[in-house]
N, C-alpha and C. Protein backbone atom coordinates (compact mmCIF):
# COMPACT_ATOMS: atom_id res chain seq x y z
N UNK A 1 114.17 120.13 111.28
CA UNK A 1 113.36 119.03 110.78
C UNK A 1 113.47 117.81 111.71
N UNK A 2 114.71 117.49 112.15
CA UNK A 2 114.92 116.35 113.02
C UNK A 2 114.10 116.49 114.30
N UNK A 3 114.08 117.66 114.90
CA UNK A 3 113.35 117.89 116.14
C UNK A 3 111.85 117.68 115.94
N UNK A 4 111.33 118.06 114.79
CA UNK A 4 109.91 117.88 114.50
C UNK A 4 109.59 116.39 114.35
N UNK A 5 110.42 115.67 113.60
CA UNK A 5 110.17 114.25 113.35
C UNK A 5 110.29 113.41 114.62
N UNK A 6 111.04 113.90 115.60
CA UNK A 6 111.24 113.14 116.82
C UNK A 6 110.20 113.43 117.90
N UNK A 7 109.17 114.18 117.59
CA UNK A 7 108.13 114.53 118.56
C UNK A 7 107.12 113.40 118.71
N UNK A 8 106.66 113.20 119.93
CA UNK A 8 105.66 112.16 120.20
C UNK A 8 104.37 112.43 119.43
N UNK A 9 103.99 113.70 119.30
CA UNK A 9 102.75 114.03 118.58
C UNK A 9 102.84 113.62 117.11
N UNK A 10 104.00 113.74 116.51
CA UNK A 10 104.20 113.31 115.12
C UNK A 10 104.14 111.78 115.05
N UNK A 11 104.79 111.12 115.99
CA UNK A 11 104.76 109.66 116.06
C UNK A 11 103.32 109.17 116.18
N UNK A 12 102.55 109.78 117.08
CA UNK A 12 101.15 109.37 117.28
C UNK A 12 100.32 109.58 116.01
N UNK A 13 100.55 110.68 115.32
CA UNK A 13 99.83 110.94 114.07
C UNK A 13 100.15 109.90 113.01
N UNK A 14 101.42 109.58 112.88
CA UNK A 14 101.82 108.55 111.91
C UNK A 14 101.26 107.18 112.30
N UNK A 15 101.24 106.91 113.60
CA UNK A 15 100.68 105.65 114.09
C UNK A 15 99.22 105.53 113.69
N UNK A 16 98.45 106.58 113.90
CA UNK A 16 97.03 106.56 113.53
C UNK A 16 96.85 106.39 112.02
N UNK A 17 97.66 107.11 111.25
CA UNK A 17 97.56 107.02 109.79
C UNK A 17 97.91 105.61 109.30
N UNK A 18 99.02 105.08 109.79
CA UNK A 18 99.43 103.75 109.35
C UNK A 18 98.48 102.66 109.87
N UNK A 19 97.88 102.88 111.03
CA UNK A 19 96.89 101.91 111.54
C UNK A 19 95.68 101.85 110.60
N UNK A 20 95.28 103.01 110.10
CA UNK A 20 94.17 103.05 109.14
C UNK A 20 94.46 102.14 107.95
N UNK A 21 95.66 102.26 107.39
CA UNK A 21 96.04 101.45 106.23
C UNK A 21 96.25 99.98 106.60
N UNK A 22 96.83 99.72 107.80
CA UNK A 22 97.12 98.34 108.18
C UNK A 22 95.86 97.50 108.37
N UNK A 23 94.73 98.15 108.64
CA UNK A 23 93.46 97.43 108.84
C UNK A 23 92.81 97.00 107.53
N UNK A 24 93.34 97.49 106.41
CA UNK A 24 92.72 97.22 105.11
C UNK A 24 93.68 96.45 104.21
N UNK A 25 93.31 95.22 103.93
CA UNK A 25 94.16 94.32 103.15
C UNK A 25 94.60 94.92 101.82
N UNK A 26 93.76 95.71 101.20
CA UNK A 26 94.08 96.32 99.91
C UNK A 26 95.33 97.21 100.01
N UNK A 27 95.66 97.66 101.23
CA UNK A 27 96.81 98.54 101.43
C UNK A 27 98.03 97.82 101.99
N UNK A 28 98.04 96.48 101.96
CA UNK A 28 99.15 95.72 102.55
C UNK A 28 100.51 96.15 102.00
N UNK A 29 100.63 96.26 100.68
CA UNK A 29 101.92 96.64 100.08
C UNK A 29 102.32 98.04 100.51
N UNK A 30 101.35 98.94 100.54
CA UNK A 30 101.65 100.32 100.97
C UNK A 30 102.07 100.35 102.44
N UNK A 31 101.38 99.59 103.29
CA UNK A 31 101.71 99.56 104.71
C UNK A 31 103.13 99.04 104.92
N UNK A 32 103.49 97.99 104.20
CA UNK A 32 104.85 97.45 104.30
C UNK A 32 105.87 98.50 103.85
N UNK A 33 105.61 99.15 102.72
CA UNK A 33 106.51 100.18 102.22
C UNK A 33 106.61 101.35 103.23
N UNK A 34 105.47 101.79 103.75
CA UNK A 34 105.45 102.95 104.66
C UNK A 34 106.16 102.65 105.97
N UNK A 35 105.97 101.46 106.52
CA UNK A 35 106.63 101.13 107.78
C UNK A 35 108.13 100.95 107.57
N UNK A 36 108.53 100.35 106.45
CA UNK A 36 109.96 100.20 106.15
C UNK A 36 110.61 101.57 105.91
N UNK A 37 109.93 102.43 105.17
CA UNK A 37 110.47 103.75 104.87
C UNK A 37 110.57 104.60 106.13
N UNK A 38 109.57 104.53 106.98
CA UNK A 38 109.60 105.28 108.25
C UNK A 38 110.74 104.78 109.13
N UNK A 39 110.94 103.48 109.17
CA UNK A 39 112.04 102.92 109.96
C UNK A 39 113.39 103.37 109.41
N UNK A 40 113.53 103.37 108.09
CA UNK A 40 114.79 103.82 107.48
C UNK A 40 115.07 105.28 107.81
N UNK A 41 114.03 106.11 107.81
CA UNK A 41 114.19 107.52 108.18
C UNK A 41 114.63 107.64 109.63
N UNK A 42 114.01 106.87 110.51
CA UNK A 42 114.39 106.87 111.91
C UNK A 42 115.86 106.47 112.07
N UNK A 43 116.25 105.43 111.39
CA UNK A 43 117.62 104.93 111.47
C UNK A 43 118.59 105.99 110.94
N UNK A 44 118.23 106.66 109.86
CA UNK A 44 119.06 107.73 109.31
C UNK A 44 119.22 108.87 110.33
N UNK A 45 118.13 109.25 110.96
CA UNK A 45 118.15 110.35 111.92
C UNK A 45 118.90 109.99 113.19
N UNK A 46 118.66 108.81 113.71
CA UNK A 46 119.23 108.42 115.02
C UNK A 46 120.56 107.69 114.94
N UNK A 47 120.88 107.12 113.77
CA UNK A 47 122.14 106.42 113.56
C UNK A 47 122.49 105.46 114.71
N UNK A 48 121.60 104.51 115.00
CA UNK A 48 121.88 103.57 116.09
C UNK A 48 123.02 102.63 115.73
N UNK A 49 123.73 102.20 116.74
CA UNK A 49 124.86 101.30 116.53
C UNK A 49 124.43 99.85 116.78
N UNK A 50 124.75 98.97 115.84
CA UNK A 50 124.45 97.55 116.06
C UNK A 50 125.15 97.04 117.32
N UNK A 51 124.51 96.10 117.98
CA UNK A 51 125.07 95.54 119.21
C UNK A 51 124.67 94.07 119.33
N UNK A 52 125.42 93.34 120.10
CA UNK A 52 125.10 91.94 120.39
C UNK A 52 124.70 91.76 121.85
N UNK A 53 124.64 92.85 122.60
CA UNK A 53 124.24 92.80 124.00
C UNK A 53 122.72 92.96 124.09
N UNK A 54 122.05 92.04 124.75
CA UNK A 54 120.59 92.04 124.78
C UNK A 54 120.03 93.29 125.45
N UNK A 55 120.65 93.72 126.52
CA UNK A 55 120.20 94.94 127.20
C UNK A 55 120.38 96.17 126.32
N UNK A 56 121.46 96.21 125.59
CA UNK A 56 121.72 97.34 124.68
C UNK A 56 120.75 97.33 123.49
N UNK A 57 120.35 96.14 123.07
CA UNK A 57 119.34 96.07 122.00
C UNK A 57 118.04 96.72 122.47
N UNK A 58 117.62 96.42 123.70
CA UNK A 58 116.40 97.02 124.24
C UNK A 58 116.55 98.53 124.36
N UNK A 59 117.70 98.98 124.82
CA UNK A 59 117.94 100.43 124.95
C UNK A 59 117.96 101.10 123.58
N UNK A 60 118.51 100.42 122.59
CA UNK A 60 118.53 100.98 121.23
C UNK A 60 117.12 101.17 120.71
N UNK A 61 116.24 100.17 120.94
CA UNK A 61 114.83 100.29 120.54
C UNK A 61 114.21 101.50 121.22
N UNK A 62 114.43 101.60 122.52
CA UNK A 62 113.85 102.68 123.30
C UNK A 62 114.35 104.05 122.81
N UNK A 63 115.63 104.15 122.53
CA UNK A 63 116.22 105.42 122.09
C UNK A 63 115.73 105.85 120.71
N UNK A 64 115.26 104.89 119.90
CA UNK A 64 114.76 105.24 118.57
C UNK A 64 113.31 105.70 118.60
N UNK A 65 112.72 105.71 119.78
CA UNK A 65 111.37 106.24 119.96
C UNK A 65 111.46 107.74 120.26
N UNK A 66 110.35 108.46 120.14
CA UNK A 66 110.40 109.92 120.33
C UNK A 66 111.01 110.32 121.68
N UNK A 67 111.90 111.28 121.64
CA UNK A 67 112.61 111.68 122.86
C UNK A 67 111.66 112.26 123.91
N UNK A 68 110.60 112.92 123.48
CA UNK A 68 109.66 113.49 124.46
C UNK A 68 108.56 112.51 124.87
N UNK A 69 108.70 111.25 124.45
CA UNK A 69 107.72 110.23 124.80
C UNK A 69 108.35 108.98 125.37
N UNK A 70 109.57 109.08 125.86
CA UNK A 70 110.29 107.90 126.35
C UNK A 70 109.54 107.14 127.43
N UNK A 71 108.74 107.82 128.22
CA UNK A 71 108.01 107.16 129.31
C UNK A 71 107.00 106.13 128.79
N UNK A 72 106.61 106.24 127.52
CA UNK A 72 105.66 105.30 126.94
C UNK A 72 106.32 103.99 126.50
N UNK A 73 107.63 103.98 126.40
CA UNK A 73 108.38 102.83 125.87
C UNK A 73 109.28 102.29 126.98
N UNK A 74 108.83 101.24 127.62
CA UNK A 74 109.49 100.75 128.83
C UNK A 74 110.20 99.43 128.61
N UNK A 75 111.33 99.31 129.27
CA UNK A 75 112.03 98.03 129.33
C UNK A 75 111.63 97.42 130.66
N UNK A 76 110.90 96.30 130.61
CA UNK A 76 110.37 95.73 131.84
C UNK A 76 111.25 94.65 132.45
N UNK A 77 112.01 93.93 131.60
CA UNK A 77 112.87 92.86 132.11
C UNK A 77 113.91 92.51 131.06
N UNK A 78 115.12 92.21 131.53
CA UNK A 78 116.18 91.75 130.64
C UNK A 78 116.77 90.48 131.24
N UNK A 79 116.72 89.39 130.47
CA UNK A 79 117.33 88.13 130.88
C UNK A 79 118.58 87.93 130.03
N UNK A 80 119.20 86.79 130.14
CA UNK A 80 120.41 86.53 129.36
C UNK A 80 120.10 86.41 127.87
N UNK A 81 118.86 86.05 127.52
CA UNK A 81 118.52 85.84 126.11
C UNK A 81 117.48 86.81 125.55
N UNK A 82 116.70 87.43 126.43
CA UNK A 82 115.54 88.19 125.97
C UNK A 82 115.36 89.48 126.76
N UNK A 83 115.03 90.53 126.03
CA UNK A 83 114.61 91.78 126.68
C UNK A 83 113.11 91.90 126.45
N UNK A 84 112.39 92.15 127.52
CA UNK A 84 110.94 92.35 127.43
C UNK A 84 110.66 93.84 127.57
N UNK A 85 109.89 94.35 126.64
CA UNK A 85 109.58 95.77 126.63
C UNK A 85 108.07 95.95 126.53
N UNK A 86 107.64 97.16 126.82
CA UNK A 86 106.21 97.47 126.75
C UNK A 86 106.00 98.82 126.10
N UNK A 87 104.92 98.92 125.37
CA UNK A 87 104.51 100.20 124.78
C UNK A 87 103.22 100.61 125.47
N UNK A 88 103.26 101.75 126.14
CA UNK A 88 102.12 102.22 126.92
C UNK A 88 101.38 103.37 126.25
N UNK A 89 101.39 103.42 124.95
CA UNK A 89 100.59 104.38 124.19
C UNK A 89 99.18 103.82 124.01
N UNK A 90 98.22 104.69 123.81
CA UNK A 90 96.89 104.22 123.43
C UNK A 90 96.96 103.92 121.93
N UNK A 91 96.91 102.66 121.60
CA UNK A 91 97.03 102.24 120.20
C UNK A 91 95.71 102.43 119.47
N UNK A 92 95.77 102.92 118.23
CA UNK A 92 94.54 103.05 117.44
C UNK A 92 93.89 101.71 117.11
N UNK A 93 94.59 100.62 117.34
CA UNK A 93 94.03 99.29 117.09
C UNK A 93 93.46 98.66 118.36
N UNK A 94 93.58 99.36 119.49
CA UNK A 94 93.14 98.81 120.78
C UNK A 94 91.69 98.34 120.70
N UNK A 95 91.50 97.10 121.13
CA UNK A 95 90.16 96.53 121.22
C UNK A 95 89.53 96.12 119.90
N UNK A 96 90.23 96.27 118.80
CA UNK A 96 89.64 95.91 117.50
C UNK A 96 89.66 94.41 117.25
N UNK A 97 90.53 93.69 117.95
CA UNK A 97 90.70 92.26 117.70
C UNK A 97 91.52 91.99 116.46
N UNK A 98 92.02 93.03 115.82
CA UNK A 98 92.74 92.89 114.55
C UNK A 98 94.25 92.78 114.78
N UNK A 99 94.66 91.58 115.21
CA UNK A 99 96.09 91.36 115.46
C UNK A 99 96.90 91.31 114.17
N UNK A 100 96.25 91.00 113.06
CA UNK A 100 96.97 91.03 111.77
C UNK A 100 97.38 92.46 111.42
N UNK A 101 96.49 93.42 111.69
CA UNK A 101 96.82 94.83 111.45
C UNK A 101 97.96 95.25 112.37
N UNK A 102 97.93 94.78 113.61
CA UNK A 102 99.02 95.08 114.55
C UNK A 102 100.34 94.53 114.01
N UNK A 103 100.31 93.29 113.53
CA UNK A 103 101.52 92.67 112.98
C UNK A 103 102.08 93.53 111.85
N UNK A 104 101.21 93.99 110.96
CA UNK A 104 101.66 94.83 109.83
C UNK A 104 102.21 96.15 110.33
N UNK A 105 101.54 96.77 111.28
CA UNK A 105 101.97 98.05 111.82
C UNK A 105 103.31 97.93 112.55
N UNK A 106 103.50 96.84 113.26
CA UNK A 106 104.73 96.64 114.04
C UNK A 106 105.93 96.25 113.18
N UNK A 107 105.72 96.17 111.88
CA UNK A 107 106.87 95.99 110.98
C UNK A 107 107.87 97.12 111.19
N UNK A 108 107.38 98.29 111.55
CA UNK A 108 108.24 99.45 111.85
C UNK A 108 109.26 99.07 112.93
N UNK A 109 108.78 98.57 114.06
CA UNK A 109 109.67 98.21 115.17
C UNK A 109 110.57 97.04 114.82
N UNK A 110 110.03 96.06 114.10
CA UNK A 110 110.87 94.93 113.68
C UNK A 110 112.00 95.41 112.77
N UNK A 111 111.71 96.34 111.88
CA UNK A 111 112.73 96.90 110.99
C UNK A 111 113.80 97.64 111.78
N UNK A 112 113.38 98.40 112.78
CA UNK A 112 114.35 99.11 113.63
C UNK A 112 115.29 98.12 114.31
N UNK A 113 114.72 97.05 114.84
CA UNK A 113 115.53 96.08 115.56
C UNK A 113 116.48 95.32 114.64
N UNK A 114 116.02 94.98 113.45
CA UNK A 114 116.92 94.29 112.50
C UNK A 114 118.14 95.15 112.19
N UNK A 115 117.94 96.46 112.14
CA UNK A 115 119.04 97.37 111.81
C UNK A 115 120.13 97.39 112.88
N UNK A 116 119.78 97.02 114.12
CA UNK A 116 120.79 97.04 115.18
C UNK A 116 121.19 95.64 115.63
N UNK A 117 120.68 94.62 114.94
CA UNK A 117 121.09 93.25 115.25
C UNK A 117 120.13 92.47 116.11
N UNK A 118 118.88 92.90 116.12
CA UNK A 118 117.90 92.21 116.96
C UNK A 118 116.69 91.74 116.19
N UNK A 119 115.87 90.97 116.89
CA UNK A 119 114.58 90.51 116.38
C UNK A 119 113.55 90.91 117.41
N UNK A 120 112.40 91.39 116.95
CA UNK A 120 111.35 91.83 117.85
C UNK A 120 110.08 91.03 117.58
N UNK A 121 109.47 90.56 118.64
CA UNK A 121 108.22 89.81 118.54
C UNK A 121 107.19 90.46 119.46
N UNK A 122 106.01 90.72 118.95
CA UNK A 122 104.92 91.24 119.77
C UNK A 122 104.27 90.04 120.45
N UNK A 123 104.34 90.02 121.78
CA UNK A 123 103.76 88.92 122.55
C UNK A 123 102.31 89.20 122.93
N UNK A 124 102.01 90.44 123.25
CA UNK A 124 100.65 90.84 123.61
C UNK A 124 100.35 92.14 122.90
N UNK A 125 99.21 92.20 122.25
CA UNK A 125 98.80 93.37 121.50
C UNK A 125 97.56 94.00 122.13
N UNK A 126 97.54 95.31 122.20
CA UNK A 126 96.34 96.00 122.69
C UNK A 126 95.13 95.68 121.83
N UNK A 127 95.37 95.26 120.61
CA UNK A 127 94.26 94.97 119.71
C UNK A 127 93.36 93.87 120.25
N UNK A 128 93.95 92.91 120.98
CA UNK A 128 93.13 91.80 121.46
C UNK A 128 93.39 91.36 122.90
N UNK A 129 94.32 92.00 123.59
CA UNK A 129 94.66 91.53 124.94
C UNK A 129 93.78 92.09 126.04
N UNK A 130 93.12 93.22 125.77
CA UNK A 130 92.35 93.88 126.80
C UNK A 130 93.20 94.71 127.74
N UNK A 131 94.49 94.75 127.47
CA UNK A 131 95.41 95.52 128.32
C UNK A 131 95.64 96.92 127.75
N UNK A 132 96.21 97.78 128.57
CA UNK A 132 96.50 99.15 128.15
C UNK A 132 97.92 99.31 127.62
N UNK A 133 98.57 98.20 127.35
CA UNK A 133 99.92 98.26 126.78
C UNK A 133 100.16 97.02 125.92
N UNK A 134 101.16 97.12 125.09
CA UNK A 134 101.62 95.98 124.29
C UNK A 134 102.88 95.45 124.95
N UNK A 135 103.11 94.16 124.83
CA UNK A 135 104.30 93.54 125.40
C UNK A 135 105.11 92.92 124.27
N UNK A 136 106.39 93.25 124.24
CA UNK A 136 107.28 92.82 123.17
C UNK A 136 108.45 92.03 123.74
N UNK A 137 109.05 91.21 122.90
CA UNK A 137 110.27 90.50 123.26
C UNK A 137 111.33 90.83 122.20
N UNK A 138 112.55 91.04 122.66
CA UNK A 138 113.66 91.33 121.76
C UNK A 138 114.75 90.29 122.01
N UNK A 139 115.23 89.70 120.94
CA UNK A 139 116.35 88.76 121.00
C UNK A 139 117.37 89.16 119.93
N UNK A 140 118.55 88.60 120.07
CA UNK A 140 119.57 88.82 119.05
C UNK A 140 119.12 88.19 117.75
N UNK A 141 119.41 88.88 116.65
CA UNK A 141 119.04 88.38 115.33
C UNK A 141 119.63 86.99 115.11
N UNK A 142 118.80 86.08 114.61
CA UNK A 142 119.26 84.73 114.31
C UNK A 142 119.12 83.77 115.48
N UNK A 143 118.80 84.26 116.67
CA UNK A 143 118.64 83.37 117.82
C UNK A 143 117.25 82.74 117.79
N UNK A 144 117.15 81.59 118.41
CA UNK A 144 115.90 80.85 118.43
C UNK A 144 114.79 81.67 119.11
N UNK A 145 113.66 81.77 118.46
CA UNK A 145 112.50 82.47 119.02
C UNK A 145 111.28 81.55 119.07
N UNK A 146 111.50 80.25 118.89
CA UNK A 146 110.38 79.31 118.81
C UNK A 146 109.57 79.23 120.10
N UNK A 147 110.14 79.63 121.23
CA UNK A 147 109.41 79.60 122.49
C UNK A 147 108.55 80.85 122.70
N UNK A 148 108.68 81.83 121.83
CA UNK A 148 107.90 83.07 121.93
C UNK A 148 106.71 82.98 120.97
N UNK A 149 105.52 83.13 121.50
CA UNK A 149 104.32 83.03 120.66
C UNK A 149 103.88 84.44 120.28
N UNK A 150 104.00 84.79 118.99
CA UNK A 150 103.58 86.12 118.54
C UNK A 150 102.07 86.32 118.71
N UNK A 151 101.70 87.52 119.08
CA UNK A 151 100.29 87.85 119.33
C UNK A 151 99.41 87.54 118.11
N UNK A 152 99.94 87.75 116.92
CA UNK A 152 99.11 87.52 115.74
C UNK A 152 98.88 86.03 115.44
N UNK A 153 99.57 85.17 116.20
CA UNK A 153 99.35 83.74 116.03
C UNK A 153 98.50 83.15 117.14
N UNK A 154 97.99 84.03 118.01
CA UNK A 154 97.07 83.59 119.06
C UNK A 154 95.75 84.29 118.84
N UNK A 155 94.73 83.76 119.38
CA UNK A 155 93.41 84.37 119.21
C UNK A 155 92.70 84.50 120.56
N UNK A 156 93.51 84.66 121.61
CA UNK A 156 92.92 84.73 122.95
C UNK A 156 92.75 86.17 123.38
N UNK A 157 91.73 86.38 124.16
CA UNK A 157 91.51 87.68 124.77
C UNK A 157 91.47 87.45 126.27
N UNK A 158 92.31 88.21 126.99
CA UNK A 158 92.37 88.03 128.44
C UNK A 158 91.30 88.84 129.12
C-alpha cells in the first residue's frame, strides 16, 4: 500500500481531484479536510523528523513528495533564513488565474511543513504567474514572514 501511495501518478491524480474541489467555494470545508487528511497520511507513512535547520526543512519537504517524482520538487536556494523551492509539475490550476484555489490546494504542503517545524509560503503560482513552475519559500515555524508576499495576495501576471 505504501508503495502505491508514494507514486507520482497517484499524487498527480489526487492533485487533479483536489484542484477540482479547491476551485469551488462550496467545497472549501471539504478541501481543507482533504488536504489536512492527505498530509496526515503522508506524515504517517514517511515519519519525518522535526528540525530547526532551514536546509533540512527544505529536504524534509522534498522527501515527503513521491519518490519516483523527486525531479519535480526542487530546492533552488537556501539562505540563513529561507529555503526557496520549486514545483515543476503541470498544475491543474495553471493559467486559471485562481490563486485562491491554489492557496486552498497548497494547504497540503503547509500542513507537511508545520509537522516538521516549518512554514511554507507560495510566492509564485502557476495559476497566475505564466510560469511552468511554482515558487515556494520555507522558514522555521514562528519566524517572521512579513517580507514574503504570498501569491494569493498578489494579482499580477508576469
